[in-house]
Amino acid sequence: MMYISAHQNSVLRYFFPFLNFLPIVSPFSQGTCVPTEKRPYYRCECGDFLMGKNCEIENNPCSFPETNPCLHGKCIFITKLNRIICKCDNGWTQKENQSSSMLNWGKETVEVPPPCDG
């Protein structure tokens, strides 16, 4: 699949108006862009784990320090599984015998392991 810039898309749709009914898949992953009448002549609808004008910004519990459920560790978000893995920093561990919990994020549910706080 070949991706084109928003400007290229605008030019193509100007000269070939029959393209206006086709949705545009964003090269930034899960977003779908549709043409509009006003500049920049498109609008993107992002999934629950993306945001930004072009769905270019990750938006999940691992994206921001204040929402990192791992506390003292690296938070890794697995998009296709809606699951988080915590890689604890040196000196920190996850408590054994503590099960994962579920976190609501937008319209999705994310599986979150115990934090690195032991």
Protein backbone atom coordinates (compact mmCIF):
# COMPACT_ATOMS: atom_id res chain seq x y z
CA MET A 1 0.00 0.00 0.00
CA MET A 2 1.31 3.47 -0.84
CA TYR A 3 0.66 6.41 1.47
CA ILE A 4 0.34 9.99 0.35
CA SER A 5 0.56 13.22 2.31
CA ALA A 6 -2.50 15.24 3.20
CA HIS A 7 -1.48 17.87 0.63
CA GLN A 8 -1.09 15.27 -2.11
CA ASN A 9 -4.46 13.86 -1.15
CA SER A 10 -6.08 17.31 -1.43
CA VAL A 11 -4.60 17.86 -4.88
CA LEU A 12 -5.71 14.44 -6.10
CA ARG A 13 -9.25 14.96 -4.85
CA TYR A 14 -9.40 18.43 -6.42
CA PHE A 15 -8.52 17.11 -9.87
CA PHE A 16 -10.33 13.79 -9.45
CA PRO A 17 -13.49 14.57 -7.43
CA PHE A 18 -14.82 11.03 -7.87
CA LEU A 19 -12.24 10.02 -5.23
CA ASN A 20 -14.09 12.03 -2.57
CA PHE A 21 -16.28 9.16 -1.48
CA LEU A 22 -13.33 6.90 -0.63
CA PRO A 23 -12.03 6.81 2.95
CA ILE A 24 -8.30 7.25 3.40
CA VAL A 25 -6.41 4.88 5.67
CA SER A 26 -3.96 6.75 7.85
CA PRO A 27 -0.30 5.68 7.57
CA PHE A 28 -0.12 6.20 11.33
CA SER A 29 -1.78 2.86 12.15
CA GLN A 30 -5.37 2.52 13.33
CA GLY A 31 -6.82 5.84 12.22
CA THR A 32 -9.15 6.25 9.28
CA CYS A 33 -9.26 9.60 7.50
CA VAL A 34 -12.19 10.95 5.51
CA PRO A 35 -12.30 13.92 3.13
CA THR A 36 -13.85 17.23 4.23
CA GLU A 37 -14.76 20.47 2.48
CA LYS A 38 -12.43 22.63 4.62
CA ARG A 39 -8.65 22.71 4.92
CA PRO A 40 -6.77 20.48 5.40
CA TYR A 41 -9.51 18.64 3.43
CA TYR A 42 -9.51 15.56 5.63
CA ARG A 43 -10.35 14.51 9.19
CA CYS A 44 -8.98 11.45 10.93
CA GLU A 45 -10.89 9.26 13.35
CA CYS A 46 -8.43 7.58 15.68
CA GLY A 47 -8.80 4.32 17.56
CA ASP A 48 -8.77 4.28 21.36
CA PHE A 49 -4.99 3.96 21.47
CA LEU A 50 -4.11 6.87 19.16
CA MET A 51 -4.74 10.61 19.11
CA GLY A 52 -3.63 13.70 17.25
CA LYS A 53 -4.62 15.29 13.97
CA ASN A 54 -3.25 12.33 12.00
CA CYS A 55 -3.56 9.66 14.73
CA GLU A 56 0.21 9.92 15.13
CA ILE A 57 0.37 10.07 18.94
CA GLU A 58 0.17 6.89 20.98
CA ASN A 59 -2.53 7.08 23.65
CA ASN A 60 -2.36 4.13 26.03
CA PRO A 61 -1.57 3.67 29.73
CA CYS A 62 2.17 3.41 28.90
CA SER A 63 2.24 6.66 26.89
CA PHE A 64 2.42 9.08 29.81
CA PRO A 65 4.36 8.94 33.11
CA GLU A 66 1.24 9.84 35.12
CA THR A 67 -0.69 6.84 33.76
CA ASN A 68 2.17 4.28 33.85
CA PRO A 69 0.74 1.39 35.90
CA CYS A 70 4.18 -0.22 36.36
CA LEU A 71 5.35 2.47 38.83
CA HIS A 72 9.05 1.53 39.07
CA GLY A 73 9.57 -0.08 35.69
CA LYS A 74 9.26 0.17 31.93
CA CYS A 75 5.70 -0.11 30.68
CA ILE A 76 5.27 -1.98 27.38
CA PHE A 77 1.86 -1.87 25.71
CA ILE A 78 0.91 -4.69 23.33
CA THR A 79 -1.73 -3.16 21.07
CA LYS A 80 -3.19 -6.25 19.44
CA LEU A 81 -3.67 -7.96 22.81
CA ASN A 82 -4.71 -4.89 24.86
CA ARG A 83 -2.15 -5.98 27.41
CA ILE A 84 0.67 -4.38 29.37
CA ILE A 85 3.98 -5.94 30.36
CA CYS A 86 6.04 -4.36 33.15
CA LYS A 87 9.84 -4.73 33.09
CA CYS A 88 10.85 -3.75 36.61
CA ASP A 89 13.78 -1.42 37.29
CA ASN A 90 16.75 -2.85 39.21
CA GLY A 91 15.80 -3.40 42.84
CA TRP A 92 12.06 -3.55 42.17
CA THR A 93 9.85 -6.60 41.65
CA GLN A 94 6.25 -7.46 41.06
CA LYS A 95 4.51 -9.10 44.00
CA GLU A 96 4.05 -12.81 43.51
CA ASN A 97 0.55 -14.23 43.89
CA GLN A 98 -0.96 -10.92 42.79
CA SER A 99 -3.09 -11.27 39.69
CA SER A 100 -3.50 -8.88 36.79
CA SER A 101 -6.29 -6.33 36.85
CA MET A 102 -8.40 -4.84 34.08
CA LEU A 103 -8.28 -1.12 33.24
CA ASN A 104 -10.86 0.72 31.14
CA TRP A 105 -9.15 2.91 28.52
CA GLY A 106 -11.57 4.70 26.21
CA LYS A 107 -13.93 2.01 24.95
CA GLU A 108 -11.31 -0.71 25.42
CA THR A 109 -10.29 -2.86 28.38
CA VAL A 110 -6.57 -3.34 29.04
CA GLU A 111 -5.00 -6.15 31.07
CA VAL A 112 -2.56 -4.67 33.61
CA PRO A 113 -0.04 -6.79 35.56
CA PRO A 114 0.88 -6.08 39.19
CA PRO A 115 3.08 -2.96 39.52
CA CYS A 116 6.79 -3.01 40.27
CA ASP A 117 6.49 -1.94 43.91
CA GLY A 118 8.04 -4.79 45.86
